[in-house]
N, C-alpha and C. Protein backbone atom coordinates (compact mmCIF):
# COMPACT_ATOMS: atom_id res chain seq x y z
N MET A 1 -19.07 9.27 -0.93
CA MET A 1 -17.64 9.28 -1.44
C MET A 1 -17.04 7.94 -1.22
N GLN A 2 -16.27 7.46 -2.19
CA GLN A 2 -15.70 6.09 -2.05
C GLN A 2 -14.38 6.24 -1.35
N PRO A 3 -13.92 5.24 -0.65
CA PRO A 3 -12.62 5.42 0.07
C PRO A 3 -11.52 5.47 -1.08
N PRO A 4 -10.40 6.20 -0.91
CA PRO A 4 -9.36 6.26 -1.83
C PRO A 4 -8.56 4.97 -2.06
N TYR A 5 -8.69 4.07 -1.10
CA TYR A 5 -7.91 2.86 -1.22
C TYR A 5 -8.69 1.67 -0.60
N ARG A 6 -8.73 0.63 -1.35
CA ARG A 6 -9.50 -0.55 -0.93
C ARG A 6 -8.55 -1.75 -0.73
N VAL A 7 -8.52 -2.48 0.42
CA VAL A 7 -7.70 -3.58 0.65
C VAL A 7 -8.38 -4.85 0.74
N LEU A 8 -9.76 -4.98 1.00
CA LEU A 8 -10.48 -6.13 0.87
C LEU A 8 -10.76 -6.51 -0.59
N GLY A 9 -10.32 -7.76 -0.91
CA GLY A 9 -10.35 -8.25 -2.31
C GLY A 9 -9.10 -7.74 -2.93
N PRO A 10 -9.14 -7.36 -4.25
CA PRO A 10 -7.93 -6.87 -4.91
C PRO A 10 -7.69 -5.44 -4.42
N CYS A 11 -6.44 -5.10 -4.23
CA CYS A 11 -6.03 -3.80 -3.75
C CYS A 11 -6.33 -2.80 -4.86
N GLN A 12 -6.93 -1.71 -4.48
CA GLN A 12 -7.21 -0.67 -5.46
C GLN A 12 -7.00 0.69 -4.78
N ALA A 13 -6.33 1.54 -5.57
CA ALA A 13 -6.16 2.95 -5.27
C ALA A 13 -7.01 3.81 -6.18
N LEU A 14 -7.80 4.69 -5.74
CA LEU A 14 -8.72 5.44 -6.57
C LEU A 14 -8.24 6.95 -6.43
N ARG A 15 -8.16 7.53 -7.68
CA ARG A 15 -7.84 8.95 -7.76
C ARG A 15 -8.94 9.82 -7.18
N THR A 16 -8.45 10.79 -6.34
CA THR A 16 -9.47 11.73 -5.60
C THR A 16 -10.20 12.73 -6.53
N ASP A 17 -9.53 13.09 -7.69
CA ASP A 17 -10.21 14.07 -8.51
C ASP A 17 -11.32 13.49 -9.37
N ASP A 18 -11.16 12.27 -9.96
CA ASP A 18 -12.27 11.69 -10.76
C ASP A 18 -12.64 10.33 -10.37
N GLY A 19 -12.15 9.65 -9.32
CA GLY A 19 -12.46 8.40 -8.99
C GLY A 19 -12.14 7.22 -9.75
N THR A 20 -11.21 7.48 -10.74
CA THR A 20 -10.75 6.39 -11.60
C THR A 20 -9.58 5.58 -10.75
N GLU A 21 -9.52 4.35 -11.20
CA GLU A 21 -8.47 3.52 -10.56
C GLU A 21 -7.08 3.77 -10.96
N ALA A 22 -6.21 3.93 -9.99
CA ALA A 22 -4.71 4.15 -10.29
C ALA A 22 -4.10 2.76 -10.52
N ASP A 23 -3.11 2.65 -11.33
CA ASP A 23 -2.48 1.36 -11.58
C ASP A 23 -1.47 1.07 -10.50
N LEU A 24 -1.59 0.01 -9.77
CA LEU A 24 -0.71 -0.35 -8.73
C LEU A 24 0.12 -1.64 -9.19
N ARG A 25 1.18 -1.36 -9.70
CA ARG A 25 2.06 -2.46 -10.25
C ARG A 25 3.06 -2.86 -9.18
N GLY A 26 3.10 -4.22 -9.04
CA GLY A 26 4.22 -4.76 -8.06
C GLY A 26 3.60 -5.04 -6.75
N ALA A 27 4.01 -6.14 -6.20
CA ALA A 27 3.51 -6.67 -4.92
C ALA A 27 4.02 -5.75 -3.81
N ARG A 28 5.17 -5.21 -3.91
CA ARG A 28 5.68 -4.34 -2.79
C ARG A 28 4.87 -2.98 -2.81
N LEU A 29 4.61 -2.41 -3.85
CA LEU A 29 3.71 -1.17 -3.87
C LEU A 29 2.41 -1.42 -3.23
N ARG A 30 1.83 -2.60 -3.70
CA ARG A 30 0.54 -2.88 -3.04
C ARG A 30 0.67 -3.10 -1.54
N ALA A 31 1.69 -3.77 -1.10
CA ALA A 31 1.97 -4.01 0.31
C ALA A 31 2.20 -2.67 1.01
N LEU A 32 2.99 -1.79 0.42
CA LEU A 32 3.15 -0.43 1.00
C LEU A 32 1.78 0.28 1.25
N PHE A 33 1.00 0.25 0.23
CA PHE A 33 -0.26 0.98 0.34
C PHE A 33 -1.07 0.28 1.31
N THR A 34 -1.16 -0.98 1.40
CA THR A 34 -1.84 -1.71 2.42
C THR A 34 -1.50 -1.47 3.80
N ALA A 35 -0.15 -1.32 4.00
CA ALA A 35 0.37 -1.08 5.35
C ALA A 35 -0.10 0.38 5.78
N LEU A 36 0.04 1.26 4.80
CA LEU A 36 -0.38 2.63 5.14
C LEU A 36 -1.90 2.73 5.35
N ALA A 37 -2.69 2.02 4.67
CA ALA A 37 -4.09 2.06 4.83
C ALA A 37 -4.53 1.45 6.18
N ALA A 38 -3.82 0.37 6.58
CA ALA A 38 -4.07 -0.31 7.78
C ALA A 38 -3.71 0.61 9.00
N ALA A 39 -2.89 1.62 8.77
CA ALA A 39 -2.55 2.60 9.83
C ALA A 39 -3.88 3.46 10.15
N GLY A 40 -4.77 3.53 9.36
CA GLY A 40 -5.87 4.45 9.57
C GLY A 40 -5.72 5.86 9.63
N GLY A 41 -4.66 6.36 8.93
CA GLY A 41 -4.52 7.73 8.99
C GLY A 41 -3.47 8.25 9.90
N ARG A 42 -3.02 7.31 10.70
CA ARG A 42 -1.91 7.72 11.64
C ARG A 42 -0.60 7.60 10.85
N GLY A 43 0.39 8.23 11.43
CA GLY A 43 1.74 8.26 10.85
C GLY A 43 2.40 6.91 11.01
N VAL A 44 3.17 6.45 10.08
CA VAL A 44 3.87 5.14 10.22
C VAL A 44 5.35 5.40 9.88
N GLY A 45 6.17 5.02 10.91
CA GLY A 45 7.58 5.27 10.88
C GLY A 45 8.23 4.37 9.70
N ALA A 46 9.41 4.79 9.29
CA ALA A 46 10.02 4.10 8.15
C ALA A 46 10.46 2.70 8.61
N GLY A 47 10.86 2.60 9.88
CA GLY A 47 11.22 1.14 10.33
C GLY A 47 10.06 0.24 10.36
N ALA A 48 8.88 0.70 10.76
CA ALA A 48 7.72 -0.14 10.71
C ALA A 48 7.31 -0.57 9.32
N LEU A 49 7.40 0.46 8.33
CA LEU A 49 7.18 0.05 7.04
C LEU A 49 8.00 -0.97 6.34
N ILE A 50 9.34 -0.67 6.75
CA ILE A 50 10.37 -1.67 6.20
C ILE A 50 10.11 -3.01 6.81
N GLY A 51 9.84 -3.06 8.09
CA GLY A 51 9.46 -4.40 8.63
C GLY A 51 8.23 -5.11 8.07
N GLN A 52 7.30 -4.32 7.72
CA GLN A 52 6.12 -4.94 7.03
C GLN A 52 6.22 -5.19 5.66
N VAL A 53 6.84 -4.35 4.91
CA VAL A 53 6.88 -4.48 3.43
C VAL A 53 8.04 -5.30 2.89
N TRP A 54 9.22 -5.06 3.53
CA TRP A 54 10.44 -5.61 3.04
C TRP A 54 10.94 -6.80 3.95
N ALA A 55 10.24 -7.15 5.03
CA ALA A 55 10.77 -8.13 5.99
C ALA A 55 11.11 -9.41 5.28
N ASP A 56 10.35 -9.84 4.35
CA ASP A 56 10.64 -11.15 3.70
C ASP A 56 11.49 -11.12 2.46
N ALA A 57 12.09 -10.00 2.27
CA ALA A 57 12.88 -9.77 1.04
C ALA A 57 14.30 -10.51 1.16
N ASP A 58 14.65 -11.05 0.12
CA ASP A 58 15.90 -11.83 0.01
C ASP A 58 17.00 -10.80 -0.56
N PRO A 59 18.00 -10.36 0.24
CA PRO A 59 18.91 -9.37 -0.22
C PRO A 59 19.63 -9.79 -1.57
N ALA A 60 19.77 -11.14 -1.75
CA ALA A 60 20.35 -11.55 -3.04
C ALA A 60 19.49 -11.29 -4.28
N GLU A 61 18.20 -11.01 -4.01
CA GLU A 61 17.29 -10.72 -5.11
C GLU A 61 17.23 -9.15 -5.39
N GLU A 62 17.76 -8.35 -4.47
CA GLU A 62 17.65 -6.90 -4.61
C GLU A 62 18.60 -6.41 -5.61
């Protein structure tokens, strides 16, 4: 069985039903999936995700 998400090389999320690749558009979505994958199945708090994914965000760009 292939892992559902790959972070080495290009980020890829695979559907569990047929193994096809899901489209991950946007750097923040890829960063979010990577942060969750790096947690190794452990729960991740909202504050930790915000710090990892949005820490470099410029509020003027939001």
